[in-house]
Protein backbone atom coordinates (compact mmCIF):
# COMPACT_ATOMS: atom_id res chain seq x y z
CA MET A 1 0.00 0.00 0.00
CA GLN A 2 1.28 3.47 -0.90
CA ILE A 3 2.32 5.66 2.05
CA ASP A 4 0.38 8.93 1.69
CA ASN A 5 2.79 11.24 3.51
CA ALA A 6 5.78 11.92 1.21
CA PHE A 7 8.20 12.56 4.06
CA LEU A 8 7.20 9.41 5.92
CA ARG A 9 7.58 7.53 2.63
CA VAL A 10 11.21 8.66 2.34
CA PHE A 11 11.94 7.61 5.94
CA ILE A 12 10.49 4.13 5.44
CA ASN A 13 11.51 3.39 1.84
CA ASP A 14 14.88 5.10 1.64
CA PHE A 15 16.14 4.77 5.21
CA VAL A 16 14.52 1.89 7.09
CA LYS A 17 14.21 -0.43 4.09
CA LYS A 18 17.71 0.53 2.94
CA PHE A 19 18.97 -0.68 6.34
CA ARG A 20 17.21 -3.99 5.71
CA TYR A 21 19.48 -4.62 2.71
CA TYR A 22 22.27 -5.10 5.26
CA ASN A 23 20.50 -6.31 8.38
CA THR A 24 17.43 -8.54 8.76
CA ASP A 25 17.37 -8.77 12.56
CA GLU A 26 14.10 -8.28 14.43
CA PHE A 27 14.00 -5.46 17.01
CA VAL A 28 11.57 -4.57 19.79
CA VAL A 29 11.92 -0.93 20.83
CA THR A 30 10.35 -0.05 24.18
CA ILE A 31 9.82 3.71 24.64
CA THR A 32 9.05 4.94 28.15
CA GLY A 33 7.21 8.22 28.59
CA LEU A 34 5.39 8.88 25.32
CA GLU A 35 2.20 6.87 25.93
CA LYS A 36 0.00 9.82 26.96
CA PHE A 37 1.21 11.91 24.03
CA ILE A 38 0.12 9.38 21.39
CA SER A 39 -3.18 10.12 19.71
CA LYS A 40 -5.06 6.90 18.96
CA ASP A 41 -6.72 8.41 15.87
CA ASP A 42 -3.63 9.98 14.26
CA THR A 43 -3.54 8.13 10.93
CA ILE A 44 0.04 9.16 10.08
CA LEU A 45 1.35 7.97 13.46
CA ILE A 46 -0.59 4.71 13.18
CA ARG A 47 0.81 4.18 9.69
CA LEU A 48 4.35 4.91 10.91
CA ILE A 49 4.13 2.28 13.66
CA GLU A 50 2.56 -0.23 11.23
CA GLU A 51 5.31 0.31 8.65
CA LEU A 52 8.04 -0.01 11.28
CA LYS A 53 6.52 -3.28 12.51
CA HIS A 54 6.33 -4.53 8.93
CA ASN A 55 10.07 -3.83 8.72
CA ASN A 56 10.82 -5.72 11.96
CA PHE A 57 10.87 -2.71 14.32
CA THR A 58 8.10 -3.28 16.87
CA ILE A 59 7.40 -0.13 18.87
CA GLU A 60 6.11 -0.61 22.42
CA ASN A 61 5.06 2.41 24.49
CA GLU A 62 4.79 2.42 28.26
CA GLY A 63 4.67 4.95 31.09
CA ASN A 64 2.11 7.69 31.74
CA LEU A 65 4.24 10.77 32.29
CA GLU A 66 2.66 14.22 32.06
CA SER A 67 5.88 15.89 30.87
CA ILE A 68 9.21 14.63 29.60
CA ASN A 69 12.59 16.03 28.65
CA GLU A 70 14.36 12.72 28.13
CA ILE A 71 13.01 9.36 27.03
CA ASP A 72 14.27 5.97 28.23
CA ILE A 73 14.69 3.48 25.39
CA THR A 74 15.27 -0.27 25.55
CA CYS A 75 16.27 -1.84 22.25
CA LYS A 76 16.03 -5.63 22.13
CA ASN A 77 17.51 -7.54 19.22
CA ILE A 78 15.25 -10.59 19.19
CA THR A 79 17.28 -12.35 16.51
CA LYS A 80 20.62 -12.11 18.33
CA ASN A 81 19.13 -12.15 21.84
CA THR A 82 20.89 -8.94 22.88
CA SER A 83 19.65 -5.64 24.27
CA TYR A 84 20.86 -2.22 25.34
CA ASN A 85 19.41 0.93 26.90
CA PHE A 86 19.85 4.57 25.94
CA LYS A 87 18.20 7.93 26.48
CA TYR A 88 16.73 10.22 23.84
CA GLN A 89 17.04 13.88 24.85
CA ILE A 90 14.29 16.30 23.83
CA GLN A 91 16.41 19.43 23.72
CA ASN A 92 15.32 21.36 20.64
CA LEU A 93 11.55 21.18 20.58
CA PRO A 94 11.15 24.24 18.29
CA ALA A 95 13.22 22.45 15.61
CA ILE A 96 11.02 19.36 15.93
CA LEU A 97 7.91 21.55 15.73
CA GLU A 98 9.28 23.17 12.58
CA ILE A 99 9.78 19.76 10.94
CA SER A 100 6.26 18.78 12.07
CA SER A 101 4.75 21.91 10.49
CA LYS A 102 6.53 21.27 7.19
CA THR A 103 5.77 17.54 6.96
CA ASP A 104 2.33 17.15 8.61
CA MET A 105 3.93 14.48 10.79
CA PRO A 106 3.03 14.65 14.51
CA VAL A 107 5.77 15.58 16.97
CA VAL A 108 5.57 12.14 18.60
CA GLY A 109 5.97 10.54 15.17
CA ILE A 110 9.11 12.58 14.47
CA ILE A 111 10.55 11.60 17.86
CA ILE A 112 9.90 7.91 17.08
CA THR A 113 11.61 8.24 13.69
CA LYS A 114 14.64 9.83 15.37
CA ILE A 115 14.81 7.04 17.98
CA VAL A 116 14.69 4.33 15.30
CA ALA A 117 17.22 6.27 13.24
CA GLN A 118 19.63 6.29 16.18
CA ILE A 119 19.30 2.51 16.49
CA ILE A 120 19.96 2.06 12.78
CA SER A 121 22.85 4.53 12.70
CA LYS A 122 24.53 2.74 15.59
CA LEU A 123 24.62 -0.36 13.41
CA LYS A 124 25.12 1.02 9.92
CA ILE A 125 25.91 4.36 8.28
CA LEU A 126 23.70 4.24 5.20
CA TYR A 127 24.60 7.34 3.17
CA LYS A 128 28.15 8.62 2.78
CA ALA A 129 28.08 10.89 -0.27
CA ILE A 130 25.98 13.47 -2.12
CA VAL A 131 26.28 13.72 -5.90
CA LEU A 132 25.10 17.12 -7.11
CA ASP A 133 24.00 18.49 -10.44
CA LEU A 134 24.96 22.12 -11.18
CA ASP A 135 22.49 23.86 -13.54
CA ASP A 136 19.27 24.80 -11.70
CA THR A 137 20.41 22.70 -8.73
CA LEU A 138 23.33 24.69 -7.28
CA TRP A 139 22.69 27.81 -9.32
CA LYS A 140 19.88 29.30 -11.35
CA GLY A 141 20.46 28.97 -15.09
CA THR A 142 22.35 26.86 -17.60
CA LEU A 143 26.10 27.48 -17.67
CA SER A 144 26.62 26.52 -21.31
CA GLU A 145 23.81 28.83 -22.46
CA ASP A 146 23.83 31.71 -19.96
CA GLY A 147 27.55 31.98 -19.21
CA ILE A 148 29.29 32.67 -15.92
CA GLU A 149 28.30 36.34 -15.62
CA LYS A 150 24.60 35.48 -15.74
CA ILE A 151 25.16 32.66 -13.22
CA LYS A 152 26.87 35.16 -10.90
CA GLU A 153 24.07 37.67 -11.37
CA ASN A 154 21.45 35.05 -10.53
CA LEU A 155 23.26 33.95 -7.39
CA GLN A 156 23.61 37.54 -6.22
CA SER A 157 19.91 38.26 -6.77
CA GLU A 158 16.94 37.34 -4.59
CA GLN A 159 16.35 34.17 -6.60
CA GLY A 160 19.83 32.96 -5.63
CA ALA A 161 18.96 32.84 -1.90
CA PRO A 162 17.50 29.28 -1.82
CA PHE A 163 20.46 27.94 -3.82
CA ILE A 164 22.93 29.52 -1.38
CA ALA A 165 20.97 28.25 1.65
CA PHE A 166 20.98 24.74 0.24
CA MET A 167 24.73 24.88 -0.43
CA LYS A 168 25.36 26.00 3.15
CA PHE A 169 23.36 23.00 4.35
CA VAL A 170 25.43 20.65 2.18
CA LYS A 171 28.65 22.31 3.35
CA SER A 172 27.67 21.62 6.96
CA LEU A 173 27.04 17.97 6.13
CA ALA A 174 30.51 17.76 4.62
CA ASN A 175 32.42 19.57 7.35
CA GLU A 176 30.56 18.29 10.41
CA LEU A 177 29.58 14.74 9.37
CA GLY A 178 32.26 13.94 6.79
CA ILE A 179 29.79 13.44 3.92
CA PHE A 180 31.57 13.34 0.54
CA ILE A 181 30.45 16.11 -1.84
CA THR A 182 30.81 15.58 -5.59
CA ILE A 183 29.61 17.13 -8.85
CA CYS A 184 28.05 15.24 -11.75
CA SER A 185 27.18 17.71 -14.51
CA ARG A 186 26.39 17.72 -18.21
CA ASN A 187 28.88 20.46 -18.98
CA ASP A 188 32.40 20.87 -20.27
CA SER A 189 34.74 19.90 -17.42
CA LYS A 190 37.20 22.76 -18.03
CA ILE A 191 34.40 25.34 -18.07
CA VAL A 192 32.96 23.89 -14.84
CA GLU A 193 36.32 24.01 -13.07
CA SER A 194 37.07 27.57 -14.25
CA THR A 195 33.58 28.74 -13.24
CA ILE A 196 33.84 27.31 -9.73
CA LYS A 197 37.30 28.85 -9.41
CA GLU A 198 35.95 32.27 -10.37
CA LEU A 199 32.91 32.25 -8.06
CA ASP A 200 33.30 33.78 -4.57
CA ASP A 201 32.42 31.54 -1.66
CA ASN A 202 29.90 34.09 -0.33
CA ILE A 203 27.63 33.27 -3.30
CA PHE A 204 28.97 29.74 -3.85
CA PRO A 205 29.57 28.26 -0.37
CA LEU A 206 30.70 24.91 -1.79
CA LYS A 207 33.79 26.43 -3.36
CA ASN A 208 36.83 24.27 -2.39
CA GLN A 209 34.50 21.66 -0.88
CA PHE A 210 34.24 19.11 -3.67
CA ASP A 211 35.87 15.72 -3.28
CA TYR A 212 35.41 14.84 -6.96
CA ILE A 213 34.03 16.54 -10.09
CA ILE A 214 32.91 14.80 -13.25
CA ALA A 215 31.46 16.83 -16.12
CA ASN A 216 30.67 15.38 -19.55
CA ASN A 217 27.70 14.40 -21.74
CA ASN A 218 27.52 10.77 -20.61
CA ASP A 219 24.54 9.25 -18.81
CA LYS A 220 24.64 10.30 -15.19
CA SER A 221 24.08 6.74 -13.97
CA GLY A 222 27.40 5.73 -15.52
CA ASN A 223 29.12 8.78 -14.06
CA ILE A 224 27.73 7.99 -10.61
CA ARG A 225 29.27 4.53 -10.84
CA LYS A 226 32.62 6.18 -11.55
CA ILE A 227 32.18 8.51 -8.58
CA ALA A 228 31.44 5.52 -6.31
CA GLU A 229 34.61 3.79 -7.53
CA GLN A 230 36.63 6.96 -7.00
CA LEU A 231 35.38 7.32 -3.41
CA SER A 232 35.70 3.56 -2.73
CA ILE A 233 32.06 3.33 -1.71
CA LEU A 234 29.06 1.46 -3.09
CA PRO A 235 26.46 3.27 -5.24
CA ASN A 236 23.84 2.49 -2.59
CA SER A 237 25.70 4.87 -0.23
CA ILE A 238 24.95 7.81 -2.56
CA VAL A 239 22.25 10.49 -2.60
CA PHE A 240 21.87 11.98 -6.09
CA ILE A 241 20.32 15.44 -6.36
CA ASP A 242 19.23 16.83 -9.72
CA ASP A 243 16.42 19.21 -10.71
CA ASN A 244 15.78 17.40 -14.02
CA GLN A 245 13.05 14.77 -13.83
CA ILE A 246 14.27 12.94 -16.95
CA VAL A 247 17.76 12.60 -15.46
CA ARG A 248 16.35 11.48 -12.10
CA ASP A 249 14.30 8.80 -13.85
CA GLU A 250 17.35 7.59 -15.81
CA VAL A 251 19.36 7.16 -12.61
CA LYS A 252 16.45 5.49 -10.79
CA LEU A 253 16.05 3.03 -13.65
CA LYS A 254 19.72 2.12 -14.10
CA LEU A 255 20.90 2.55 -10.49
CA PRO A 256 17.88 1.79 -8.29
CA GLU A 257 20.13 1.41 -5.25
CA VAL A 258 20.96 5.15 -5.33
CA PHE A 259 18.59 7.42 -3.37
CA VAL A 260 17.18 10.05 -5.76
CA PRO A 261 14.92 12.53 -3.93
CA GLU A 262 11.88 13.98 -5.68
CA TRP A 263 11.71 17.73 -5.05
CA THR A 264 10.43 20.97 -6.52
CA ASN A 265 12.26 23.49 -4.32
CA HIS A 266 15.32 23.53 -2.07
CA ASN A 267 13.39 24.07 1.16
CA GLU A 268 11.34 20.95 0.47
CA LEU A 269 14.54 19.05 -0.37
CA ILE A 270 16.29 19.99 2.89
CA THR A 271 13.19 19.09 4.91
CA GLN A 272 12.99 15.74 3.13
CA LEU A 273 16.60 14.89 3.97
CA ILE A 274 16.15 15.87 7.62
CA ALA A 275 12.73 14.27 8.18
CA GLY A 276 13.83 11.14 6.33
CA CYS A 277 16.84 10.85 8.69
CA ILE A 278 19.01 10.33 5.62
CA PHE A 279 22.19 11.63 7.26
CA GLU A 280 21.33 10.67 10.83
CA ARG A 281 24.31 9.95 13.10
CA VAL A 282 24.37 8.48 16.58
CA GLU A 283 27.33 10.60 17.68
CA PHE A 284 29.23 13.78 16.90
CA SER A 285 32.60 12.37 15.90
CA LEU A 286 36.01 13.88 15.18
CA ASN A 287 36.76 10.81 13.10
CA SER A 288 33.72 11.56 10.94
CA GLN A 289 34.72 15.20 10.59
CA ASN A 290 38.20 14.11 9.47
CA ARG A 291 36.96 11.49 7.00
CA ARG A 292 37.22 13.72 3.93
CA LYS A 293 40.63 15.00 5.01
CA GLN A 294 41.84 11.42 5.45
CA TYR A 295 40.46 10.52 2.02
CA LYS A 296 42.28 13.44 0.37
CA ILE A 297 45.54 12.53 2.10
CA ILE A 298 45.28 8.93 0.90
CA GLN A 299 44.36 10.11 -2.62
CA THR A 300 47.40 12.40 -2.66
CA GLU A 301 49.61 9.54 -1.50
CA ARG A 302 48.18 7.32 -4.24
CA THR A 303 48.82 10.00 -6.86
CA GLN A 304 52.40 10.55 -5.77
CA ASN A 305 53.17 6.90 -5.14
CA THR A 306 51.06 3.89 -6.09
CA LEU A 307 52.04 2.29 -2.79
CA PRO A 308 52.05 5.01 -0.10
CA LYS A 309 54.53 4.73 2.77
CA LEU A 310 52.48 4.60 5.94
CA THR A 311 52.83 2.89 9.30
CA VAL A 312 50.27 0.66 11.01
CA LYS A 313 49.77 0.29 14.75
CA VAL A 314 48.28 -2.99 16.00
CA ILE A 315 46.07 -2.65 19.11
CA ASN A 316 44.48 -5.33 21.30
CA ASP A 317 40.70 -4.95 21.34
CA ASP A 318 39.97 -6.82 24.58
CA LYS A 319 36.20 -6.30 24.55
CA HIS A 320 35.86 -6.40 20.73
CA THR A 321 34.46 -2.84 20.92
CA GLU A 322 36.21 -1.20 17.97
CA SER A 323 36.13 -4.40 15.92
CA ILE A 324 32.36 -4.76 16.27
CA LYS A 325 31.90 -1.11 15.26
CA LEU A 326 33.88 -1.71 12.07
CA TYR A 327 32.18 -5.02 11.26
CA SER A 328 28.73 -3.48 11.62
CA LYS A 329 29.58 -0.65 9.21
CA SER A 330 31.68 -2.49 6.61
CA ASN A 331 30.42 -4.29 3.53
CA GLN A 332 32.83 -4.22 0.60
CA PHE A 333 35.60 -5.90 2.56
CA LYS A 334 34.12 -8.09 5.28
CA PHE A 335 34.50 -11.85 5.37
CA SER A 336 31.67 -12.84 7.71
CA GLN A 337 28.27 -11.55 8.76
CA ASN A 338 29.07 -12.50 12.37
CA ASP A 339 29.36 -9.02 13.87
CA VAL A 340 28.81 -9.46 17.60
CA LYS A 341 28.86 -13.04 18.93
CA PHE A 342 32.45 -13.65 19.94
CA GLU A 343 32.83 -15.93 22.93
CA GLY A 344 35.36 -17.90 24.93
CA ASP A 345 38.99 -17.37 24.04
CA THR A 346 38.20 -15.25 20.97
CA LYS A 347 40.49 -12.25 20.56
CA SER A 348 40.26 -9.11 18.44
CA LEU A 349 42.82 -6.69 17.07
CA TYR A 350 42.26 -3.40 15.34
CA PHE A 351 44.70 -1.46 13.21
CA GLU A 352 45.34 2.29 13.09
CA ILE A 353 47.18 3.86 10.20
CA PHE A 354 49.65 6.78 10.43
CA ARG A 355 51.45 9.09 8.05
CA GLU A 356 55.22 9.44 8.28
CA ASN A 357 54.78 12.72 10.22
CA GLY A 358 52.86 10.84 12.93
CA GLU A 359 49.36 11.98 11.91
CA ASN A 360 46.76 9.36 12.81
CA LEU A 361 44.50 8.61 9.83
CA GLY A 362 42.14 6.45 11.88
CA ILE A 363 41.13 2.82 12.34
CA CYS A 364 41.58 1.01 9.07
CA SER A 365 40.92 -2.66 9.81
CA ALA A 366 40.07 -5.31 12.41
CA ILE A 367 40.38 -9.07 12.81
CA THR A 368 38.78 -11.43 15.33
CA TYR A 369 40.31 -14.88 15.84
CA THR A 370 41.02 -17.90 18.00
CA ASN A 371 44.49 -19.41 18.25
CA SER A 372 44.96 -23.01 19.38
CA TYR A 373 48.15 -25.03 19.38
CA ASP A 374 47.90 -25.88 15.68
CA THR A 375 45.11 -23.71 14.19
CA PHE A 376 44.73 -19.95 13.76
CA HIS A 377 41.04 -19.44 12.99
CA ILE A 378 39.82 -15.99 11.89
CA GLN A 379 36.16 -15.38 12.75
CA ASN A 380 35.96 -12.10 10.84
CA TRP A 381 38.13 -9.57 9.06
CA ALA A 382 37.05 -6.16 7.77
CA ILE A 383 38.71 -3.13 6.18
CA SER A 384 37.27 0.40 6.10
CA CYS A 385 36.45 1.58 2.57
CA ARG A 386 38.82 4.55 2.97
CA TYR A 387 41.87 2.31 2.86
CA PHE A 388 41.49 0.16 -0.25
CA GLU A 389 44.30 -0.12 -2.80
CA ILE A 390 47.14 1.03 -0.55
CA GLY A 391 48.58 -2.40 0.32
CA LEU A 392 46.64 -2.84 3.58
CA GLU A 393 45.29 -6.28 2.67
CA GLU A 394 48.82 -7.53 2.02
CA PHE A 395 50.18 -6.02 5.24
CA ILE A 396 47.50 -7.70 7.37
CA LEU A 397 47.83 -11.07 5.66
CA MET A 398 51.56 -11.07 6.38
CA TYR A 399 50.87 -9.94 9.96
CA ILE A 400 48.40 -12.82 10.36
CA LYS A 401 51.02 -15.26 9.11
CA LYS A 402 53.50 -13.88 11.64
CA ILE A 403 51.24 -14.19 14.69
CA ALA A 404 49.84 -17.57 13.55
CA ASN A 405 53.41 -18.83 14.05
CA ALA A 406 53.32 -21.81 11.65
CA SER A 407 49.77 -22.86 12.65
CA LYS A 408 47.29 -23.62 9.91
CA ILE A 409 45.28 -20.49 9.08
CA PHE A 410 41.54 -20.63 8.40
CA ILE A 411 39.04 -17.81 7.90
CA ASN A 412 35.24 -17.87 7.95
CA TYR A 413 33.70 -16.58 4.73
CA GLN A 414 30.14 -15.67 3.73
CA HIS A 415 29.59 -14.45 0.20
CA SER A 416 27.34 -11.41 -0.22
CA GLU A 417 26.44 -9.14 -3.11
CA TYR A 418 28.48 -6.38 -1.48
CA ASN A 419 31.88 -7.82 -0.55
CA GLN A 420 33.43 -7.28 -3.96
CA LYS A 421 36.77 -6.21 -2.46
CA VAL A 422 37.14 -9.61 -0.76
CA ARG A 423 36.60 -11.34 -4.10
CA GLU A 424 39.20 -9.06 -5.68
CA LEU A 425 41.66 -10.20 -3.02
CA PHE A 426 40.84 -13.83 -3.86
CA ASP A 427 41.54 -13.12 -7.52
CA ARG A 428 44.81 -11.33 -6.75
CA TYR A 429 46.19 -14.19 -4.66
CA SER A 430 44.12 -17.14 -5.84
CA VAL A 431 46.66 -19.80 -4.90
CA ALA A 432 46.74 -18.54 -1.28
CA PHE A 433 43.01 -19.14 -0.63
CA LYS A 434 41.80 -22.74 -0.58
CA ASN A 435 38.03 -23.26 -0.21
CA ASN A 436 36.34 -26.17 1.49
CA ASN A 437 33.39 -27.93 -0.15
CA LYS A 438 30.88 -25.47 1.30
CA ASN A 439 33.03 -22.40 0.59
CA ASP A 440 32.24 -21.17 4.12
CA LYS A 441 35.72 -21.73 5.58
CA ILE A 442 38.86 -20.95 3.66
CA GLU A 443 42.40 -22.05 4.38
CA ILE A 444 45.02 -19.33 3.83
CA VAL A 445 48.39 -20.66 2.70
CA ILE A 446 51.06 -17.99 2.26
CA SER A 447 54.08 -19.50 0.56
CA LYS A 448 57.44 -17.77 0.27
CA GLU A 449 56.57 -16.86 -3.32
CA ILE A 450 53.21 -15.35 -2.29
CA GLU A 451 54.82 -13.47 0.59
CA ASP A 452 57.39 -11.96 -1.77
CA LYS A 453 54.57 -10.88 -4.08
CA MET A 454 52.69 -9.31 -1.16
CA ASN A 455 55.82 -7.48 -0.01
CA ASN A 456 56.12 -5.98 -3.49
CA ASN A 457 52.49 -4.81 -3.28
CA THR A 458 52.71 -2.84 -0.04
CA ASN A 459 54.85 -0.16 1.54
CA LEU A 460 52.99 -0.32 4.85
CA ARG A 461 55.11 -1.20 7.87
CA GLU A 462 54.27 -2.05 11.48
CA MET A 463 54.80 0.72 14.01
């Protein structure tokens, strides 16, 4: 059945259901304190709770408080038999009221969406990049027809105000949350670059903010694929924003995994992204803020040297805390879907990567394993998408061989449609990975010849 409210539709279809591509667990979310504030005849709220239940989020309300400023939440994962508690703070009620007035969603409904979004964001960051059109999306007019002076004039006029406000919003997403910002335009690339260079940042706030620009006359779906490859992310991590309905339809048809908002004005677009929880985060993180900086540093290293010289620090993860965080958020390079159940004598390590000047570029990988007298068994291994193609896979494989200390090495493996980077590793060192009959446990055999090849494919060294 079609969801009538457009903003609720985005939240369910493009946020909650997107999460279900990665996670099928059943959750029961008990919310204490909202019961008296829930109208039994509010059709939008009823529909929200029904849709969440249909997507394995059962909302239970209890408590009869007359006023609340924080809400106690218990989230039970029925599938994994785990639970945790947290509090939701109601600190900016005017902002929630503003969203309510723009979306026709009740305040209680918006609070419930934010609570569910926090649960989802704790487990998986869904959207990592925005791909932006230029003409009539970031400025009024068509560059190839109107020219830069007319574009400037439009931005400086009253009609430029919503474009500038939208760009400031996107800039905040980039600087505060680490969202990648890219351009995908049907224009001449040299003209685009010279135009952006000439515009002042007071009328073009995204000046010097772009992580990648692609401008040509090719289909935008194909260009978006190239952008995803450039950023080392999957297309389903991308939000594509374009004013042209024909272009939006082309991308939806050829890349249905990309989120393509439907919008008629920038205010509606911003509200849709906020109400849909598209860029929701569970924490304000320095690591997130530095993500784009780290990406640019790695890209510079790659440009200057195919195999950048970096150092890696190996850290014991006694409670599996950092490892579980990485497993829950990784897809392209993750061997197993076992993210949390590590028992007994299981151990975890995580790896931090540093530049030669000592700058910490963040956690890049994690492994979880058991080590008996003759078998080194890896339960899971993941690498963050920021650190592909710099020799990290080779470094960790050789490190595993070292700490296995002549034991046989096995690793659990579950194929998925996402872990393409694992399959690329198999292809690169096919003789080192020996499958069993079920292909669910692989023996890793690193001969002297393979080790020499790996050494030639990495300049990473242990700190």
